Amino acid sequence: MCRWLAYSGAAIRPALLILDTRHSLVAQSLNSPLGAEPVNGDGFGVGWYPMTDAAPPGSAVEPALFHSIEPAWHDENLRELTRAIESPLFFAHVRAAAGPPIQQTNCHPFRHGKWLFMHNGALAHLSRMRRDLMLALDPELFPLVHGTTDSELVFYLAITYGLQDDPVAGLGRAVRRIEEIADAHGIRDAVQGTFAVSDGQTMWAFRYSTMHRTRTLFASADMATLQAMYPDMERLRVFDAGARVVVSEPLTDLPGAFVEIEESTVVTLDADGMREAPFLRDAA
């Protein structure tokens, strides 16, 4: 499918994670040991919340986006951009197309107002469900779906079902609606995915599939603990104590650096730290 990472913490240059780690996202685009497909070369995207002094406390500016249909390892603009900007919260995604065409409107992350969204996985037999899913959208959101991916459709379904008021409940209701429509079409294992959502202040990361055999998802360990474990590792000093990364697969082989997120779980990251909670486990 795809590979993605999401960062929250003190502002850093995204290249530190997208390019410069041992198993960086760009490295994973060429060779993904834990992915369903080892090569993710069908485009990529970066979404980031700019540093600004203009926004009042507690608010977020609209995120910026960069999409390309180039393979991530081949795009010089990605290197220039991620070494030049700094951001306290950013998403990055490399795509392995599983049906929808390779075009910029199908590249993640997706944006709606202050919200960012990305996904690794698939909706089973989307062509059989697509009409019903599109009709389930809020009519005002219908014309905003510009691409053909199941991922963008999930995003706007989640907005329809209340993501902007409660991201966990909104995505949960959207997933359940997809599963109901799939059942009506005789489709099993309808939803497969790891999802990331942010409003610029908080990040939510989800691991869920209908059959409870979801793609991998990991979160970095507590940074203060890691810095204490490896006091001589200069690279770790770049990050503040609250820095966290959520990833499809670990960015490094460093023991203890990443912990796997359990099946049917949502992780919330904000100024108070990282918390895990069950997500749609009632049918597990």
Protein backbone atom coordinates (compact mmCIF):
# COMPACT_ATOMS: atom_id res chain seq x y z
CA MET A 1 0.00 0.00 0.00
CA CYS A 2 1.79 3.16 1.24
CA ARG A 3 4.12 4.44 3.97
CA TRP A 4 3.66 7.54 6.08
CA LEU A 5 5.00 9.47 9.04
CA ALA A 6 3.59 12.20 11.26
CA TYR A 7 5.65 14.42 13.57
CA SER A 8 4.64 16.59 16.53
CA GLY A 9 6.98 18.55 18.78
CA ALA A 10 9.25 21.56 18.70
CA ALA A 11 9.75 22.85 15.16
CA ILE A 12 12.31 20.91 13.12
CA ARG A 13 13.26 20.60 9.48
CA PRO A 14 11.20 17.72 8.05
CA ALA A 15 14.26 16.42 6.20
CA LEU A 16 15.55 15.08 9.53
CA LEU A 17 12.89 12.36 9.36
CA ILE A 18 11.91 12.26 5.70
CA LEU A 19 15.47 12.02 4.35
CA ASP A 20 18.17 11.69 6.96
CA THR A 21 17.33 8.74 9.23
CA ARG A 22 18.62 5.24 8.51
CA HIS A 23 15.18 4.00 7.43
CA SER A 24 13.79 7.38 6.39
CA LEU A 25 10.51 7.71 4.55
CA VAL A 26 12.41 8.19 1.29
CA ALA A 27 14.43 5.06 2.03
CA GLN A 28 11.16 3.21 2.67
CA SER A 29 9.82 4.42 -0.68
CA LEU A 30 12.59 2.33 -2.28
CA ASN A 31 12.58 -0.58 0.16
CA SER A 32 9.83 -1.07 2.72
CA PRO A 33 10.52 -4.27 4.71
CA LEU A 34 7.19 -4.18 6.58
CA GLY A 35 5.02 -2.88 3.75
CA ALA A 36 2.56 -4.80 1.61
CA GLU A 37 4.61 -3.54 -1.35
CA PRO A 38 8.37 -3.03 -0.98
CA VAL A 39 8.47 -0.06 -3.39
CA ASN A 40 6.30 3.04 -2.94
CA GLY A 41 7.13 5.12 -5.98
CA ASP A 42 3.75 6.38 -7.21
CA GLY A 43 4.00 9.92 -5.90
CA PHE A 44 4.32 11.50 -2.50
CA GLY A 45 3.19 14.43 -0.45
CA VAL A 46 4.14 16.59 2.52
CA GLY A 47 1.72 18.65 4.58
CA TRP A 48 2.97 21.01 7.27
CA TYR A 49 1.74 23.70 9.63
CA PRO A 50 3.89 26.81 9.14
CA MET A 51 5.51 28.66 11.99
CA THR A 52 3.58 31.88 12.64
CA ASP A 53 3.20 34.54 15.29
CA ALA A 54 -0.07 35.81 13.83
CA ALA A 55 -2.41 33.03 14.98
CA PRO A 56 -3.97 33.52 18.44
CA PRO A 57 -3.23 30.92 21.16
CA GLY A 58 -5.11 27.67 20.68
CA SER A 59 -5.75 28.25 16.98
CA ALA A 60 -4.04 26.79 13.94
CA VAL A 61 -3.20 28.22 10.55
CA GLU A 62 -4.12 26.35 7.40
CA PRO A 63 -1.47 23.78 6.56
CA ALA A 64 0.65 23.99 3.42
CA LEU A 65 0.89 21.12 0.93
CA PHE A 66 3.41 19.83 -1.57
CA HIS A 67 2.39 16.95 -3.86
CA SER A 68 4.27 15.31 -6.69
CA ILE A 69 3.78 12.26 -8.90
CA GLU A 70 7.56 11.76 -9.02
CA PRO A 71 9.03 8.94 -6.93
CA ALA A 72 10.13 10.49 -3.65
CA TRP A 73 13.71 9.33 -4.09
CA HIS A 74 13.92 11.13 -7.43
CA ASP A 75 12.50 14.54 -6.54
CA GLU A 76 15.04 17.28 -5.88
CA ASN A 77 12.29 19.71 -4.87
CA LEU A 78 11.43 17.47 -1.93
CA ARG A 79 15.02 17.70 -0.71
CA GLU A 80 15.15 21.46 -1.13
CA LEU A 81 11.80 22.04 0.55
CA THR A 82 12.23 19.76 3.55
CA ARG A 83 15.67 21.18 4.31
CA ALA A 84 14.43 24.77 4.09
CA ILE A 85 11.21 24.84 6.11
CA GLU A 86 10.67 24.24 9.83
CA SER A 87 7.43 23.00 11.32
CA PRO A 88 6.16 21.78 14.71
CA LEU A 89 3.68 19.38 13.08
CA PHE A 90 3.92 17.76 9.67
CA PHE A 91 2.72 14.74 7.69
CA ALA A 92 4.58 12.94 4.92
CA HIS A 93 3.38 10.10 2.71
CA VAL A 94 4.78 7.94 -0.11
CA ARG A 95 2.27 6.17 -2.31
CA ALA A 96 1.98 2.73 -3.87
CA ALA A 97 -1.05 3.03 -6.15
CA ALA A 98 -3.46 0.11 -5.80
CA GLY A 99 -5.83 1.00 -8.60
CA PRO A 100 -6.54 4.77 -8.66
CA PRO A 101 -4.30 6.53 -11.20
CA ILE A 102 -1.05 8.29 -10.46
CA GLN A 103 -2.01 11.97 -10.34
CA GLN A 104 -1.47 14.85 -7.93
CA THR A 105 -5.08 14.87 -6.72
CA ASN A 106 -4.55 11.30 -5.48
CA CYS A 107 -1.45 12.14 -3.44
CA HIS A 108 -1.69 12.38 0.34
CA PRO A 109 -1.99 14.22 2.68
CA PHE A 110 -5.41 15.69 1.99
CA ARG A 111 -6.45 19.08 3.37
CA HIS A 112 -9.74 20.65 4.37
CA GLY A 113 -9.44 24.02 6.09
CA LYS A 114 -7.09 23.53 9.03
CA TRP A 115 -7.33 19.72 8.83
CA LEU A 116 -4.79 17.25 7.40
CA PHE A 117 -5.51 13.58 6.72
CA MET A 118 -3.60 10.61 5.30
CA HIS A 119 -4.12 6.86 5.08
CA ASN A 120 -2.32 3.60 4.38
CA GLY A 121 -4.60 0.78 3.37
CA ALA A 122 -7.66 0.28 1.21
CA LEU A 123 -11.41 -0.10 1.02
CA ALA A 124 -12.16 -3.52 -0.45
CA HIS A 125 -14.02 -3.57 -3.79
CA LEU A 126 -14.35 0.20 -3.85
CA SER A 127 -15.89 0.20 -7.32
CA ARG A 128 -18.91 -1.69 -5.99
CA MET A 129 -19.38 0.70 -3.05
CA ARG A 130 -18.27 4.00 -4.49
CA ARG A 131 -21.68 5.28 -5.60
CA ASP A 132 -23.27 4.60 -2.21
CA LEU A 133 -20.30 6.10 -0.38
CA MET A 134 -20.37 9.25 -2.48
CA LEU A 135 -24.09 9.65 -1.85
CA ALA A 136 -23.40 9.39 1.89
CA LEU A 137 -21.32 12.58 1.75
CA ASP A 138 -22.66 15.91 2.94
CA PRO A 139 -23.84 17.56 -0.33
CA GLU A 140 -21.68 20.61 0.42
CA LEU A 141 -18.58 18.40 0.57
CA PHE A 142 -19.36 16.40 -2.57
CA PRO A 143 -17.69 18.84 -5.02
CA LEU A 144 -14.55 19.02 -2.86
CA VAL A 145 -13.55 15.43 -3.67
CA HIS A 146 -11.05 16.08 -6.46
CA GLY A 147 -9.29 12.72 -6.73
CA THR A 148 -10.31 9.10 -7.12
CA THR A 149 -8.75 7.44 -4.06
CA ASP A 150 -10.65 5.65 -1.34
CA SER A 151 -8.53 7.63 1.15
CA GLU A 152 -9.88 11.04 0.16
CA LEU A 153 -13.38 9.60 0.24
CA VAL A 154 -12.85 8.31 3.80
CA PHE A 155 -11.64 11.79 4.81
CA TYR A 156 -14.74 13.55 3.53
CA LEU A 157 -17.01 10.86 4.96
CA ALA A 158 -15.36 11.43 8.34
CA ILE A 159 -15.96 15.19 7.99
CA THR A 160 -19.57 14.43 7.08
CA TYR A 161 -19.91 12.37 10.27
CA GLY A 162 -18.38 14.96 12.59
CA LEU A 163 -14.60 14.77 12.39
CA GLN A 164 -14.24 18.53 12.89
CA ASP A 165 -16.08 18.36 16.22
CA ASP A 166 -14.66 15.02 17.42
CA PRO A 167 -12.05 13.35 15.18
CA VAL A 168 -12.21 9.97 16.93
CA ALA A 169 -16.00 9.74 16.87
CA GLY A 170 -16.22 11.21 13.36
CA LEU A 171 -13.81 8.71 11.83
CA GLY A 172 -15.42 5.92 13.83
CA ARG A 173 -18.88 6.72 12.47
CA ALA A 174 -17.50 6.95 8.93
CA VAL A 175 -15.79 3.57 9.22
CA ARG A 176 -18.97 1.98 10.56
CA ARG A 177 -20.97 3.49 7.68
CA ILE A 178 -18.50 2.06 5.17
CA GLU A 179 -18.81 -1.36 6.80
CA GLU A 180 -22.63 -1.15 6.67
CA ILE A 181 -22.53 -0.35 2.96
CA ALA A 182 -20.01 -3.13 2.39
CA ASP A 183 -22.27 -5.63 4.18
CA ALA A 184 -25.15 -4.64 1.91
CA HIS A 185 -22.92 -5.49 -1.07
CA GLY A 186 -21.69 -8.76 0.44
CA ILE A 187 -18.16 -7.42 0.91
CA ARG A 188 -16.04 -8.73 3.78
CA ASP A 189 -12.96 -7.06 5.21
CA ALA A 190 -14.20 -3.69 3.96
CA VAL A 191 -11.78 -1.35 5.75
CA GLN A 192 -8.03 -1.73 6.04
CA GLY A 193 -5.89 1.08 7.28
CA THR A 194 -3.81 3.26 9.44
CA PHE A 195 -4.97 6.88 9.47
CA ALA A 196 -3.54 10.20 10.65
CA VAL A 197 -5.55 13.35 11.33
CA SER A 198 -4.53 16.77 12.68
CA ASP A 199 -5.97 20.24 13.24
CA GLY A 200 -2.51 21.75 13.76
CA GLN A 201 -2.71 21.55 17.56
CA THR A 202 -3.44 17.86 18.14
CA MET A 203 -2.64 14.74 16.15
CA TRP A 204 -4.67 11.54 16.10
CA ALA A 205 -3.31 8.28 14.65
CA PHE A 206 -5.50 5.20 14.15
CA ARG A 207 -4.83 1.54 13.50
CA TYR A 208 -7.93 -0.37 12.44
CA SER A 209 -9.26 -2.92 9.96
CA THR A 210 -12.58 -4.72 9.76
CA MET A 211 -10.93 -8.14 10.12
CA HIS A 212 -8.48 -6.85 12.76
CA ARG A 213 -5.39 -7.62 10.68
CA THR A 214 -4.22 -4.07 10.11
CA ARG A 215 -1.06 -2.72 8.49
CA THR A 216 1.74 -1.92 10.93
CA LEU A 217 1.91 1.32 12.91
CA PHE A 218 4.52 2.49 15.42
CA ALA A 219 5.07 5.45 17.73
CA SER A 220 8.42 6.73 18.91
CA ALA A 221 9.26 6.20 22.56
CA ASP A 222 9.30 9.03 25.07
CA MET A 223 12.11 11.31 23.92
CA ALA A 224 13.39 12.18 27.39
CA THR A 225 13.75 8.46 28.12
CA LEU A 226 15.55 7.85 24.83
CA GLN A 227 17.93 10.73 25.44
CA ALA A 228 18.72 9.30 28.87
CA MET A 229 19.27 5.83 27.37
CA TYR A 230 21.59 7.18 24.67
CA PRO A 231 23.27 10.28 26.15
CA ASP A 232 26.07 10.27 23.56
CA MET A 233 23.79 10.16 20.53
CA GLU A 234 24.00 13.68 19.17
CA ARG A 235 21.14 13.15 16.73
CA LEU A 236 18.62 12.78 19.57
CA ARG A 237 19.55 16.19 21.02
CA VAL A 238 17.79 17.89 18.10
CA PHE A 239 14.40 16.90 19.52
CA ASP A 240 12.63 18.43 22.50
CA ALA A 241 11.30 16.25 25.33
CA GLY A 242 7.77 16.27 23.87
CA ALA A 243 8.73 15.24 20.33
CA ARG A 244 6.95 12.19 18.92
CA VAL A 245 6.79 10.47 15.56
CA VAL A 246 4.09 8.06 14.39
CA VAL A 247 5.16 5.92 11.44
CA SER A 248 4.13 2.99 9.28
CA GLU A 249 7.42 1.36 10.19
CA PRO A 250 10.40 2.38 12.36
CA LEU A 251 12.85 4.96 11.04
CA THR A 252 15.80 3.44 12.88
CA ASP A 253 17.11 0.15 14.26
CA LEU A 254 17.90 1.79 17.61
CA PRO A 255 16.60 -0.57 20.33
CA GLY A 256 13.67 0.91 22.22
CA ALA A 257 13.16 3.79 19.82
CA PHE A 258 9.77 2.68 18.47
CA VAL A 259 6.85 0.82 19.99
CA GLU A 260 4.14 -0.89 17.95
CA ILE A 261 0.64 0.50 18.33
CA GLU A 262 -1.94 -2.17 19.09
CA GLU A 263 -4.72 -3.25 16.79
CA SER A 264 -7.93 -1.16 16.99
CA THR A 265 -6.24 1.72 18.81
CA VAL A 266 -6.20 5.49 18.50
CA VAL A 267 -3.20 7.50 19.69
CA THR A 268 -3.65 11.16 20.62
CA LEU A 269 -0.67 13.53 20.73
CA ASP A 270 -0.94 17.06 22.08
CA ALA A 271 0.72 19.42 24.54
CA ASP A 272 -0.04 16.96 27.36
CA GLY A 273 1.84 14.10 25.71
CA MET A 274 0.73 10.85 24.08
CA ARG A 275 -2.28 8.76 25.08
CA GLU A 276 -3.69 5.52 23.69
CA ALA A 277 -7.33 4.43 23.71
CA PRO A 278 -9.41 1.65 22.11
CA PHE A 279 -10.93 2.40 18.71
CA LEU A 280 -13.95 0.41 17.44
CA ARG A 281 -13.13 -2.65 19.52
CA ASP A 282 -16.74 -3.60 20.19
CA ALA A 283 -16.68 -6.10 17.32
CA ALA A 284 -13.13 -7.36 17.95
